[in-house]
Amino acid sequence: MRIIPLHRDSDTDYSCTVYWVLGDMNMSGDRNTLIDTGSTNLSNLGYFMREMAPQSKGIGKIAIEQIILTHGHYDHAGGLSGIIRQFNPVIYSWNCVPGKCEKAYDGMHVMVGDEDAIILHTPGHSDDSICVFVSEKGILFSGDTIFRISDNKGTYTRAYVDTLERLSVLGVKTIFPGHGNAITEDASGFIKDCLDHVRASQSVLQ
């Protein structure tokens, strides 16, 4: 499994980190996958093309066969239309979007690169938030579900508490977040620390 982060903020558009996931051996059954698309700045598509060009994608395979959207906010899904025009991929999203969209559901299995991944519905940041969990490797693509929560002064929904509780017991080893660097040291501890601060909050909304 090759995970290639793609990120570039422009002067006008704030964008998430996009993850391009390929198989190690470029086998025919691999699924070249983009997790999120970044913002609306179409120059990002040119950037993606330049970054993808030197990578081996598999004989006869296109660079992006499918997209998984972690949620619909513009900095994660705004670049979708340009990528559809270029690659015409299958799109997995909690709320279906224009294109060859398959509605994602909790517990859905999807091949990502050369690994089986599970779609987890993780409401809290938004109602349509999902995470992509590769259980064999303990890898979690978290979108905006997990932020560095370091105090108990925020207001959180019960759905978000439930989401963190669910993620805290998965045995996550590495988190690839929607913003910032990958969390490779004690990723499960990171989630549990966030959960502890949320649980201690005086404002958990039902």
N, C-alpha and C. Protein backbone atom coordinates (compact mmCIF):
# COMPACT_ATOMS: atom_id res chain seq x y z
N MET A 1 0.86 -1.19 0.00
CA MET A 1 0.00 0.00 0.00
C MET A 1 0.89 1.24 0.00
N ARG A 2 0.77 2.04 -1.05
CA ARG A 2 1.53 3.28 -1.14
C ARG A 2 0.57 4.45 -0.88
N ILE A 3 0.90 5.27 0.09
CA ILE A 3 0.07 6.41 0.45
C ILE A 3 0.86 7.68 0.13
N ILE A 4 0.35 8.47 -0.79
CA ILE A 4 1.05 9.67 -1.26
C ILE A 4 0.20 10.88 -0.91
N PRO A 5 0.64 11.69 0.08
CA PRO A 5 -0.13 12.91 0.41
C PRO A 5 0.05 13.95 -0.67
N LEU A 6 -1.04 14.61 -1.02
CA LEU A 6 -1.04 15.69 -1.99
C LEU A 6 -1.68 16.90 -1.33
N HIS A 7 -0.94 17.98 -1.22
CA HIS A 7 -1.49 19.16 -0.55
C HIS A 7 -0.83 20.41 -1.09
N ARG A 8 -1.68 21.38 -1.41
CA ARG A 8 -1.16 22.69 -1.79
C ARG A 8 -2.25 23.72 -1.59
N ASP A 9 -2.05 24.66 -0.66
CA ASP A 9 -2.96 25.79 -0.50
C ASP A 9 -2.57 26.86 -1.52
N SER A 10 -3.56 27.43 -2.16
CA SER A 10 -3.30 28.56 -3.05
C SER A 10 -3.57 29.85 -2.29
N ASP A 11 -3.39 30.96 -2.98
CA ASP A 11 -3.67 32.26 -2.37
C ASP A 11 -5.16 32.46 -2.13
N THR A 12 -5.99 31.73 -2.85
CA THR A 12 -7.44 31.95 -2.77
C THR A 12 -8.20 30.78 -2.17
N ASP A 13 -7.62 29.61 -2.12
CA ASP A 13 -8.34 28.43 -1.66
C ASP A 13 -7.59 27.70 -0.56
N TYR A 14 -8.30 27.43 0.51
CA TYR A 14 -7.79 26.60 1.60
C TYR A 14 -8.16 25.17 1.30
N SER A 15 -7.21 24.25 1.39
CA SER A 15 -7.47 22.88 0.97
C SER A 15 -7.01 21.88 2.01
N CYS A 16 -7.67 20.73 2.02
CA CYS A 16 -7.26 19.63 2.90
C CYS A 16 -6.05 18.92 2.29
N THR A 17 -5.53 17.99 3.03
CA THR A 17 -4.56 17.05 2.47
C THR A 17 -5.32 15.93 1.78
N VAL A 18 -4.99 15.71 0.53
CA VAL A 18 -5.58 14.65 -0.27
C VAL A 18 -4.62 13.46 -0.23
N TYR A 19 -5.16 12.26 -0.14
CA TYR A 19 -4.31 11.07 -0.12
C TYR A 19 -4.59 10.22 -1.35
N TRP A 20 -3.51 9.98 -2.08
CA TRP A 20 -3.57 9.11 -3.26
C TRP A 20 -3.00 7.76 -2.84
N VAL A 21 -3.79 6.71 -2.98
CA VAL A 21 -3.42 5.40 -2.45
C VAL A 21 -3.34 4.40 -3.60
N LEU A 22 -2.18 3.74 -3.71
CA LEU A 22 -1.91 2.77 -4.77
C LEU A 22 -1.46 1.45 -4.14
N GLY A 23 -1.50 0.39 -4.93
CA GLY A 23 -0.98 -0.88 -4.46
C GLY A 23 0.53 -0.94 -4.57
N ASP A 24 1.14 -1.77 -3.76
CA ASP A 24 2.60 -1.91 -3.79
C ASP A 24 3.10 -2.52 -5.09
N MET A 25 2.35 -3.50 -5.63
CA MET A 25 2.84 -4.28 -6.77
C MET A 25 2.11 -3.97 -8.07
N ASN A 26 1.22 -2.97 -8.07
CA ASN A 26 0.49 -2.61 -9.28
C ASN A 26 -0.24 -3.79 -9.92
N MET A 27 -0.96 -4.53 -9.10
CA MET A 27 -1.72 -5.67 -9.59
C MET A 27 -3.02 -5.21 -10.22
N SER A 28 -3.60 -6.05 -11.08
CA SER A 28 -4.81 -5.66 -11.80
C SER A 28 -5.99 -5.43 -10.86
N GLY A 29 -6.02 -6.11 -9.74
CA GLY A 29 -7.12 -5.96 -8.81
C GLY A 29 -7.01 -4.77 -7.87
N ASP A 30 -5.87 -4.06 -7.91
CA ASP A 30 -5.71 -2.87 -7.07
C ASP A 30 -6.68 -1.79 -7.52
N ARG A 31 -7.03 -0.91 -6.58
CA ARG A 31 -7.91 0.20 -6.92
C ARG A 31 -7.19 1.50 -6.57
N ASN A 32 -6.74 2.20 -7.61
CA ASN A 32 -6.08 3.49 -7.42
C ASN A 32 -7.10 4.49 -6.89
N THR A 33 -6.87 4.97 -5.67
CA THR A 33 -7.91 5.68 -4.92
C THR A 33 -7.44 7.05 -4.49
N LEU A 34 -8.32 8.03 -4.61
CA LEU A 34 -8.10 9.35 -4.06
C LEU A 34 -9.05 9.53 -2.88
N ILE A 35 -8.49 9.83 -1.72
CA ILE A 35 -9.32 10.12 -0.56
C ILE A 35 -9.40 11.63 -0.42
N ASP A 36 -10.59 12.17 -0.71
CA ASP A 36 -10.89 13.59 -0.82
C ASP A 36 -10.24 14.17 -2.08
N THR A 37 -10.67 15.38 -2.44
CA THR A 37 -10.18 15.98 -3.69
C THR A 37 -9.52 17.33 -3.48
N GLY A 38 -9.63 17.90 -2.29
CA GLY A 38 -9.14 19.24 -2.10
C GLY A 38 -10.18 20.27 -2.53
N SER A 39 -9.74 21.52 -2.59
CA SER A 39 -10.66 22.64 -2.77
C SER A 39 -11.01 22.89 -4.23
N THR A 40 -11.67 24.02 -4.46
CA THR A 40 -12.21 24.32 -5.78
C THR A 40 -11.17 24.83 -6.77
N ASN A 41 -9.98 25.15 -6.32
CA ASN A 41 -8.96 25.73 -7.21
C ASN A 41 -8.55 24.71 -8.27
N LEU A 42 -8.93 24.93 -9.51
CA LEU A 42 -8.67 23.95 -10.56
C LEU A 42 -7.19 23.80 -10.87
N SER A 43 -6.37 24.77 -10.46
CA SER A 43 -4.94 24.60 -10.68
C SER A 43 -4.41 23.44 -9.85
N ASN A 44 -5.16 23.06 -8.80
CA ASN A 44 -4.77 21.89 -8.02
C ASN A 44 -4.76 20.63 -8.88
N LEU A 45 -5.66 20.57 -9.87
CA LEU A 45 -5.69 19.41 -10.75
C LEU A 45 -4.39 19.29 -11.52
N GLY A 46 -3.87 20.42 -12.02
CA GLY A 46 -2.58 20.38 -12.69
C GLY A 46 -1.48 19.94 -11.76
N TYR A 47 -1.56 20.39 -10.51
CA TYR A 47 -0.58 19.97 -9.50
C TYR A 47 -0.66 18.46 -9.28
N PHE A 48 -1.87 17.94 -9.14
CA PHE A 48 -2.05 16.50 -8.96
C PHE A 48 -1.44 15.73 -10.12
N MET A 49 -1.71 16.20 -11.34
CA MET A 49 -1.21 15.50 -12.52
C MET A 49 0.31 15.45 -12.54
N ARG A 50 0.94 16.56 -12.15
CA ARG A 50 2.41 16.57 -12.12
C ARG A 50 2.94 15.63 -11.06
N GLU A 51 2.30 15.57 -9.90
CA GLU A 51 2.75 14.70 -8.82
C GLU A 51 2.52 13.23 -9.16
N MET A 52 1.46 12.96 -9.89
CA MET A 52 1.11 11.57 -10.21
C MET A 52 1.93 11.01 -11.37
N ALA A 53 2.39 11.88 -12.25
CA ALA A 53 3.04 11.45 -13.49
C ALA A 53 4.17 10.44 -13.29
N PRO A 54 5.10 10.66 -12.32
CA PRO A 54 6.22 9.73 -12.22
C PRO A 54 5.91 8.43 -11.50
N GLN A 55 4.73 8.32 -10.92
CA GLN A 55 4.40 7.13 -10.14
C GLN A 55 3.86 6.01 -11.04
N SER A 56 4.24 4.79 -10.73
CA SER A 56 3.73 3.63 -11.46
C SER A 56 2.31 3.32 -10.98
N LYS A 57 1.38 3.23 -11.92
CA LYS A 57 -0.04 3.09 -11.58
C LYS A 57 -0.61 1.73 -11.94
N GLY A 58 0.15 0.91 -12.62
CA GLY A 58 -0.34 -0.38 -13.08
C GLY A 58 -0.61 -0.33 -14.58
N ILE A 59 -0.32 -1.43 -15.26
CA ILE A 59 -0.45 -1.47 -16.72
C ILE A 59 -1.91 -1.27 -17.12
N GLY A 60 -2.13 -0.28 -17.98
CA GLY A 60 -3.47 -0.03 -18.51
C GLY A 60 -4.42 0.59 -17.51
N LYS A 61 -3.94 1.03 -16.35
CA LYS A 61 -4.82 1.56 -15.32
C LYS A 61 -4.71 3.09 -15.26
N ILE A 62 -5.82 3.73 -14.97
CA ILE A 62 -5.80 5.18 -14.82
C ILE A 62 -5.37 5.54 -13.40
N ALA A 63 -4.96 6.77 -13.23
CA ALA A 63 -4.39 7.20 -11.95
C ALA A 63 -5.42 7.22 -10.84
N ILE A 64 -6.65 7.60 -11.16
CA ILE A 64 -7.71 7.69 -10.15
C ILE A 64 -8.91 6.89 -10.63
N GLU A 65 -9.06 5.70 -10.07
CA GLU A 65 -10.19 4.85 -10.43
C GLU A 65 -11.40 5.10 -9.54
N GLN A 66 -11.13 5.57 -8.32
CA GLN A 66 -12.24 5.85 -7.41
C GLN A 66 -11.84 6.95 -6.44
N ILE A 67 -12.85 7.63 -5.93
CA ILE A 67 -12.68 8.69 -4.93
C ILE A 67 -13.54 8.33 -3.73
N ILE A 68 -12.99 8.51 -2.54
CA ILE A 68 -13.78 8.41 -1.32
C ILE A 68 -13.78 9.79 -0.67
N LEU A 69 -14.96 10.36 -0.50
CA LEU A 69 -15.08 11.67 0.14
C LEU A 69 -15.36 11.49 1.63
N THR A 70 -14.49 12.03 2.47
CA THR A 70 -14.72 11.90 3.91
C THR A 70 -15.87 12.76 4.39
N HIS A 71 -16.19 13.82 3.67
CA HIS A 71 -17.39 14.63 3.89
C HIS A 71 -17.45 15.69 2.79
N GLY A 72 -18.53 16.46 2.79
CA GLY A 72 -18.77 17.32 1.65
C GLY A 72 -18.29 18.74 1.74
N HIS A 73 -17.54 19.12 2.78
CA HIS A 73 -17.07 20.50 2.89
C HIS A 73 -16.15 20.84 1.72
N TYR A 74 -16.19 22.14 1.31
CA TYR A 74 -15.53 22.53 0.05
C TYR A 74 -14.05 22.22 0.02
N ASP A 75 -13.36 22.29 1.18
CA ASP A 75 -11.92 22.06 1.17
C ASP A 75 -11.59 20.58 1.02
N HIS A 76 -12.60 19.72 1.08
CA HIS A 76 -12.41 18.28 0.87
C HIS A 76 -13.04 17.78 -0.42
N ALA A 77 -14.07 18.46 -0.89
CA ALA A 77 -14.81 17.97 -2.06
C ALA A 77 -14.94 18.99 -3.18
N GLY A 78 -14.42 20.19 -3.00
CA GLY A 78 -14.62 21.24 -3.99
C GLY A 78 -13.98 20.98 -5.33
N GLY A 79 -12.92 20.17 -5.36
CA GLY A 79 -12.23 19.89 -6.61
C GLY A 79 -12.79 18.71 -7.38
N LEU A 80 -13.94 18.21 -6.95
CA LEU A 80 -14.49 16.98 -7.52
C LEU A 80 -14.78 17.09 -9.01
N SER A 81 -15.37 18.20 -9.45
CA SER A 81 -15.82 18.29 -10.84
C SER A 81 -14.67 18.18 -11.83
N GLY A 82 -13.53 18.82 -11.51
CA GLY A 82 -12.39 18.74 -12.41
C GLY A 82 -11.83 17.33 -12.51
N ILE A 83 -11.82 16.62 -11.40
CA ILE A 83 -11.30 15.25 -11.41
C ILE A 83 -12.26 14.32 -12.14
N ILE A 84 -13.56 14.55 -12.00
CA ILE A 84 -14.54 13.75 -12.75
C ILE A 84 -14.31 13.92 -14.25
N ARG A 85 -14.12 15.16 -14.69
CA ARG A 85 -13.91 15.41 -16.13
C ARG A 85 -12.65 14.71 -16.63
N GLN A 86 -11.61 14.67 -15.81
CA GLN A 86 -10.34 14.10 -16.23
C GLN A 86 -10.32 12.58 -16.16
N PHE A 87 -10.93 12.00 -15.11
CA PHE A 87 -10.75 10.56 -14.85
C PHE A 87 -12.05 9.76 -14.83
N ASN A 88 -13.19 10.39 -14.64
CA ASN A 88 -14.49 9.71 -14.57
C ASN A 88 -14.46 8.55 -13.56
N PRO A 89 -14.05 8.81 -12.32
CA PRO A 89 -13.94 7.72 -11.34
C PRO A 89 -15.29 7.39 -10.71
N VAL A 90 -15.34 6.24 -10.05
CA VAL A 90 -16.44 5.93 -9.14
C VAL A 90 -16.24 6.75 -7.87
N ILE A 91 -17.31 7.26 -7.31
CA ILE A 91 -17.23 8.10 -6.11
C ILE A 91 -18.02 7.45 -4.99
N TYR A 92 -17.40 7.33 -3.84
CA TYR A 92 -18.08 6.86 -2.64
C TYR A 92 -18.26 8.05 -1.70
N SER A 93 -19.50 8.29 -1.30
CA SER A 93 -19.80 9.43 -0.45
C SER A 93 -21.03 9.11 0.39
N TRP A 94 -21.05 9.62 1.63
CA TRP A 94 -22.22 9.40 2.49
C TRP A 94 -23.45 10.04 1.87
N ASN A 95 -23.31 11.25 1.37
CA ASN A 95 -24.37 11.92 0.62
C ASN A 95 -23.97 11.91 -0.84
N CYS A 96 -24.75 11.27 -1.68
CA CYS A 96 -24.34 11.09 -3.07
C CYS A 96 -24.17 12.44 -3.77
N VAL A 97 -23.21 12.48 -4.66
CA VAL A 97 -22.83 13.69 -5.37
C VAL A 97 -22.91 13.40 -6.87
N PRO A 98 -22.86 14.42 -7.73
CA PRO A 98 -22.89 14.19 -9.18
C PRO A 98 -21.73 13.29 -9.62
N GLY A 99 -22.00 12.46 -10.61
CA GLY A 99 -20.98 11.53 -11.09
C GLY A 99 -21.40 10.10 -10.84
N LYS A 100 -20.51 9.17 -11.04
CA LYS A 100 -20.80 7.75 -10.81
C LYS A 100 -20.71 7.46 -9.32
N CYS A 101 -21.71 7.92 -8.58
CA CYS A 101 -21.63 7.88 -7.12
C CYS A 101 -22.29 6.62 -6.58
N GLU A 102 -21.61 6.01 -5.63
CA GLU A 102 -22.17 4.92 -4.85
C GLU A 102 -22.30 5.41 -3.42
N LYS A 103 -23.49 5.33 -2.86
CA LYS A 103 -23.72 5.81 -1.51
C LYS A 103 -22.97 4.93 -0.52
N ALA A 104 -22.09 5.55 0.23
CA ALA A 104 -21.34 4.81 1.25
C ALA A 104 -22.26 4.50 2.43
N TYR A 105 -21.99 3.40 3.11
CA TYR A 105 -22.74 3.06 4.30
C TYR A 105 -21.80 2.51 5.36
N ASP A 106 -22.23 2.58 6.58
CA ASP A 106 -21.40 2.14 7.69
C ASP A 106 -21.11 0.65 7.58
N GLY A 107 -19.84 0.29 7.64
CA GLY A 107 -19.44 -1.12 7.52
C GLY A 107 -19.17 -1.57 6.10
N MET A 108 -19.26 -0.67 5.15
CA MET A 108 -19.02 -1.00 3.74
C MET A 108 -17.54 -1.34 3.52
N HIS A 109 -17.27 -2.40 2.77
CA HIS A 109 -15.90 -2.78 2.42
C HIS A 109 -15.56 -2.26 1.03
N VAL A 110 -14.42 -1.62 0.91
CA VAL A 110 -13.95 -1.07 -0.35
C VAL A 110 -12.45 -1.37 -0.48
N MET A 111 -12.04 -1.81 -1.65
CA MET A 111 -10.61 -2.01 -1.90
C MET A 111 -9.96 -0.65 -2.10
N VAL A 112 -8.94 -0.36 -1.31
CA VAL A 112 -8.21 0.90 -1.41
C VAL A 112 -6.75 0.56 -1.68
N GLY A 113 -6.26 0.92 -2.86
CA GLY A 113 -4.94 0.41 -3.25
C GLY A 113 -5.02 -1.09 -3.35
N ASP A 114 -4.22 -1.77 -2.54
CA ASP A 114 -4.26 -3.23 -2.53
C ASP A 114 -4.72 -3.78 -1.18
N GLU A 115 -5.46 -2.97 -0.42
CA GLU A 115 -5.92 -3.37 0.91
C GLU A 115 -7.43 -3.23 1.03
N ASP A 116 -8.02 -4.16 1.77
CA ASP A 116 -9.43 -4.06 2.10
C ASP A 116 -9.63 -3.00 3.17
N ALA A 117 -10.54 -2.08 2.93
CA ALA A 117 -10.82 -1.00 3.89
C ALA A 117 -12.30 -1.01 4.24
N ILE A 118 -12.59 -0.48 5.42
CA ILE A 118 -13.96 -0.40 5.90
C ILE A 118 -14.36 1.06 6.03
N ILE A 119 -15.53 1.39 5.52
CA ILE A 119 -16.09 2.73 5.69
C ILE A 119 -16.80 2.78 7.03
N LEU A 120 -16.46 3.79 7.83
CA LEU A 120 -17.10 3.98 9.13
C LEU A 120 -17.83 5.32 9.13
N HIS A 121 -19.09 5.32 9.46
CA HIS A 121 -19.83 6.57 9.59
C HIS A 121 -19.44 7.19 10.93
N THR A 122 -18.88 8.40 10.88
CA THR A 122 -18.33 9.02 12.09
C THR A 122 -18.84 10.45 12.24
N PRO A 123 -20.13 10.62 12.50
CA PRO A 123 -20.68 11.97 12.63
C PRO A 123 -20.07 12.71 13.81
N GLY A 124 -20.09 14.01 13.72
CA GLY A 124 -19.52 14.85 14.78
C GLY A 124 -19.01 16.14 14.17
N HIS A 125 -18.01 16.04 13.32
CA HIS A 125 -17.57 17.23 12.57
C HIS A 125 -18.67 17.68 11.61
N SER A 126 -19.30 16.70 10.97
CA SER A 126 -20.47 16.93 10.12
C SER A 126 -21.29 15.65 10.13
N ASP A 127 -22.56 15.77 9.76
CA ASP A 127 -23.42 14.58 9.78
C ASP A 127 -23.00 13.54 8.75
N ASP A 128 -22.32 13.99 7.67
CA ASP A 128 -21.96 13.07 6.60
C ASP A 128 -20.51 12.59 6.70
N SER A 129 -19.85 12.83 7.82
CA SER A 129 -18.44 12.46 7.95
C SER A 129 -18.28 10.93 7.98
N ILE A 130 -17.28 10.47 7.25
CA ILE A 130 -16.88 9.07 7.30
C ILE A 130 -15.37 9.00 7.48
N CYS A 131 -14.91 7.87 8.02
CA CYS A 131 -13.49 7.54 8.07
C CYS A 131 -13.27 6.28 7.25
N VAL A 132 -12.05 6.09 6.80
CA VAL A 132 -11.68 4.90 6.05
C VAL A 132 -10.64 4.16 6.88
N PHE A 133 -10.96 2.93 7.29
CA PHE A 133 -10.10 2.18 8.20
C PHE A 133 -9.57 0.94 7.51
N VAL A 134 -8.25 0.84 7.45
CA VAL A 134 -7.57 -0.35 6.91
C VAL A 134 -7.14 -1.17 8.12
N SER A 135 -7.98 -2.11 8.51
CA SER A 135 -7.77 -2.81 9.79
C SER A 135 -6.51 -3.65 9.79
N GLU A 136 -6.15 -4.22 8.64
CA GLU A 136 -4.97 -5.09 8.57
C GLU A 136 -3.70 -4.33 8.94
N LYS A 137 -3.67 -3.04 8.66
CA LYS A 137 -2.49 -2.24 8.95
C LYS A 137 -2.72 -1.21 10.06
N GLY A 138 -3.94 -1.13 10.56
CA GLY A 138 -4.24 -0.17 11.61
C GLY A 138 -4.18 1.27 11.13
N ILE A 139 -4.50 1.49 9.85
CA ILE A 139 -4.44 2.83 9.26
C ILE A 139 -5.83 3.44 9.20
N LEU A 140 -5.95 4.68 9.66
CA LEU A 140 -7.21 5.40 9.65
C LEU A 140 -7.06 6.70 8.86
N PHE A 141 -7.84 6.82 7.79
CA PHE A 141 -7.96 8.10 7.09
C PHE A 141 -9.15 8.80 7.73
N SER A 142 -8.86 9.86 8.48
CA SER A 142 -9.87 10.38 9.41
C SER A 142 -10.62 11.61 8.91
N GLY A 143 -10.25 12.16 7.75
CA GLY A 143 -10.91 13.40 7.34
C GLY A 143 -10.77 14.44 8.43
N ASP A 144 -11.88 15.10 8.77
CA ASP A 144 -11.85 16.10 9.84
C ASP A 144 -12.48 15.57 11.13
N THR A 145 -12.61 14.27 11.23
CA THR A 145 -13.26 13.69 12.42
C THR A 145 -12.41 13.89 13.67
N ILE A 146 -11.10 13.77 13.54
CA ILE A 146 -10.23 13.85 14.72
C ILE A 146 -9.35 15.08 14.63
N PHE A 147 -9.51 15.97 15.60
CA PHE A 147 -8.63 17.12 15.77
C PHE A 147 -7.88 16.96 17.08
N ARG A 148 -6.85 17.76 17.26
CA ARG A 148 -6.10 17.72 18.52
C ARG A 148 -6.87 18.48 19.59
N ILE A 149 -7.66 17.77 20.36
CA ILE A 149 -8.47 18.37 21.42
C ILE A 149 -7.67 18.28 22.72
N SER A 150 -7.31 19.44 23.27
CA SER A 150 -6.40 19.44 24.42
C SER A 150 -6.99 20.10 25.66
N ASP A 151 -8.27 20.48 25.61
CA ASP A 151 -8.89 21.02 26.81
C ASP A 151 -10.35 20.57 26.86
N ASN A 152 -11.02 20.90 27.96
CA ASN A 152 -12.40 20.46 28.13
C ASN A 152 -13.37 21.64 28.09
N LYS A 153 -13.00 22.69 27.35
CA LYS A 153 -13.80 23.92 27.33
C LYS A 153 -14.68 24.03 26.10
N GLY A 154 -14.62 23.05 25.22
CA GLY A 154 -15.44 23.12 24.02
C GLY A 154 -16.83 22.57 24.24
N THR A 155 -17.64 22.66 23.18
CA THR A 155 -18.98 22.08 23.17
C THR A 155 -19.01 21.00 22.12
N TYR A 156 -19.49 19.83 22.50
CA TYR A 156 -19.46 18.67 21.61
C TYR A 156 -20.81 17.99 21.61
N THR A 157 -21.13 17.36 20.49
CA THR A 157 -22.38 16.63 20.40
C THR A 157 -22.19 15.21 20.93
N ARG A 158 -23.29 14.60 21.33
CA ARG A 158 -23.25 13.19 21.76
C ARG A 158 -22.77 12.31 20.61
N ALA A 159 -23.13 12.65 19.37
CA ALA A 159 -22.68 11.86 18.22
C ALA A 159 -21.16 11.87 18.13
N TYR A 160 -20.55 13.02 18.43
CA TYR A 160 -19.09 13.10 18.35
C TYR A 160 -18.43 12.28 19.45
N VAL A 161 -19.01 12.31 20.65
CA VAL A 161 -18.49 11.48 21.74
C VAL A 161 -18.57 10.01 21.35
N ASP A 162 -19.71 9.62 20.81
CA ASP A 162 -19.89 8.23 20.39
C ASP A 162 -18.88 7.84 19.31
N THR A 163 -18.61 8.76 18.39
CA THR A 163 -17.64 8.50 17.33
C THR A 163 -16.25 8.26 17.92
N LEU A 164 -15.80 9.14 18.82
CA LEU A 164 -14.48 8.97 19.42
C LEU A 164 -14.40 7.68 20.23
N GLU A 165 -15.46 7.34 20.92
CA GLU A 165 -15.48 6.09 21.66
C GLU A 165 -15.31 4.89 20.73
N ARG A 166 -15.98 4.95 19.60
CA ARG A 166 -15.86 3.86 18.63
C ARG A 166 -14.45 3.76 18.07
N LEU A 167 -13.87 4.89 17.70
CA LEU A 167 -12.53 4.87 17.11
C LEU A 167 -11.46 4.49 18.13
N SER A 168 -11.70 4.77 19.39
CA SER A 168 -10.68 4.54 20.42
C SER A 168 -10.40 3.06 20.66
N VAL A 169 -11.28 2.18 20.22
CA VAL A 169 -11.10 0.75 20.49
C VAL A 169 -10.71 -0.04 19.24
N LEU A 170 -10.39 0.66 18.16
CA LEU A 170 -10.09 -0.03 16.90
C LEU A 170 -8.64 -0.51 16.81
N GLY A 171 -7.78 -0.04 17.69
CA GLY A 171 -6.37 -0.39 17.57
C GLY A 171 -5.68 0.36 16.45
N VAL A 172 -6.00 1.63 16.29
CA VAL A 172 -5.41 2.45 15.23
C VAL A 172 -3.92 2.67 15.50
N LYS A 173 -3.11 2.45 14.49
CA LYS A 173 -1.66 2.64 14.60
C LYS A 173 -1.18 3.92 13.93
N THR A 174 -1.85 4.31 12.86
CA THR A 174 -1.47 5.52 12.12
C THR A 174 -2.73 6.25 11.69
N ILE A 175 -2.73 7.57 11.90
CA ILE A 175 -3.84 8.40 11.47
C ILE A 175 -3.35 9.33 10.35
N PHE A 176 -4.06 9.30 9.23
CA PHE A 176 -3.83 10.25 8.16
C PHE A 176 -4.99 11.24 8.19
N PRO A 177 -4.77 12.42 8.80
CA PRO A 177 -5.86 13.37 9.01
C PRO A 177 -6.11 14.25 7.80
N GLY A 178 -7.24 14.93 7.81
CA GLY A 178 -7.56 15.84 6.73
C GLY A 178 -6.68 17.06 6.68
N HIS A 179 -6.10 17.42 7.82
CA HIS A 179 -5.20 18.58 7.89
C HIS A 179 -4.06 18.22 8.83
N GLY A 180 -2.86 18.61 8.46
CA GLY A 180 -1.71 18.34 9.32
C GLY A 180 -1.01 17.05 8.95
N ASN A 181 0.03 16.76 9.72
CA ASN A 181 0.87 15.60 9.43
C ASN A 181 0.27 14.31 9.96
N ALA A 182 0.71 13.20 9.37
CA ALA A 182 0.28 11.89 9.85
C ALA A 182 0.69 11.70 11.31
N ILE A 183 -0.17 11.03 12.06
CA ILE A 183 0.11 10.72 13.46
C ILE A 183 0.55 9.27 13.52
N THR A 184 1.84 9.07 13.78
CA THR A 184 2.42 7.72 13.75
C THR A 184 2.84 7.22 15.12
N GLU A 185 2.93 8.12 16.08
CA GLU A 185 3.32 7.73 17.43
C GLU A 185 2.09 7.64 18.32
N ASP A 186 1.79 6.45 18.81
CA ASP A 186 0.69 6.22 19.75
C ASP A 186 -0.61 6.84 19.24
N ALA A 187 -1.02 6.45 18.04
CA ALA A 187 -2.24 7.01 17.45
C ALA A 187 -3.47 6.68 18.28
N SER A 188 -3.52 5.46 18.83
CA SER A 188 -4.66 5.11 19.68
C SER A 188 -4.69 5.98 20.93
N GLY A 189 -3.52 6.26 21.49
CA GLY A 189 -3.44 7.14 22.65
C GLY A 189 -3.89 8.54 22.32
N PHE A 190 -3.58 9.00 21.12
CA PHE A 190 -4.02 10.32 20.67
C PHE A 190 -5.54 10.40 20.67
N ILE A 191 -6.19 9.37 20.11
CA ILE A 191 -7.66 9.36 20.07
C ILE A 191 -8.23 9.32 21.48
N LYS A 192 -7.63 8.52 22.34
CA LYS A 192 -8.14 8.40 23.71
C LYS A 192 -7.97 9.70 24.48
N ASP A 193 -6.85 10.42 24.23
CA ASP A 193 -6.67 11.72 24.89
C ASP A 193 -7.75 12.70 24.44
N CYS A 194 -8.03 12.72 23.15
CA CYS A 194 -9.11 13.58 22.64
C CYS A 194 -10.43 13.22 23.31
N LEU A 195 -10.69 11.92 23.41
CA LEU A 195 -11.94 11.45 24.03
C LEU A 195 -12.02 11.87 25.49
N ASP A 196 -10.92 11.75 26.22
CA ASP A 196 -10.92 12.14 27.64
C ASP A 196 -11.28 13.60 27.81
N HIS A 197 -10.73 14.47 26.96
CA HIS A 197 -11.03 15.90 27.06
C HIS A 197 -12.48 16.19 26.70
N VAL A 198 -12.99 15.48 25.71
CA VAL A 198 -14.39 15.67 25.32
C VAL A 198 -15.32 15.18 26.43
N ARG A 199 -15.02 14.03 27.00
CA ARG A 199 -15.85 13.50 28.08
C ARG A 199 -15.87 14.44 29.29
N ALA A 200 -14.74 15.14 29.51
CA ALA A 200 -14.64 16.03 30.65
C ALA A 200 -15.34 17.37 30.40
N SER A 201 -15.76 17.60 29.16
CA SER A 201 -16.41 18.86 28.84
C SER A 201 -17.70 19.02 29.60
N GLN A 202 -17.99 20.25 29.98
CA GLN A 202 -19.25 20.54 30.65
C GLN A 202 -20.40 20.75 29.68
N SER A 203 -20.09 20.69 28.38
CA SER A 203 -21.11 20.98 27.37
C SER A 203 -21.12 19.89 26.30
N VAL A 204 -21.77 18.77 26.60
CA VAL A 204 -21.98 17.73 25.62
C VAL A 204 -23.46 17.76 25.25
N LEU A 205 -23.75 18.12 24.02
CA LEU A 205 -25.12 18.27 23.55
C LEU A 205 -25.70 16.92 23.15
N GLN A 206 -26.94 16.71 23.42
CA GLN A 206 -27.60 15.47 23.04
C GLN A 206 -28.04 15.52 21.57
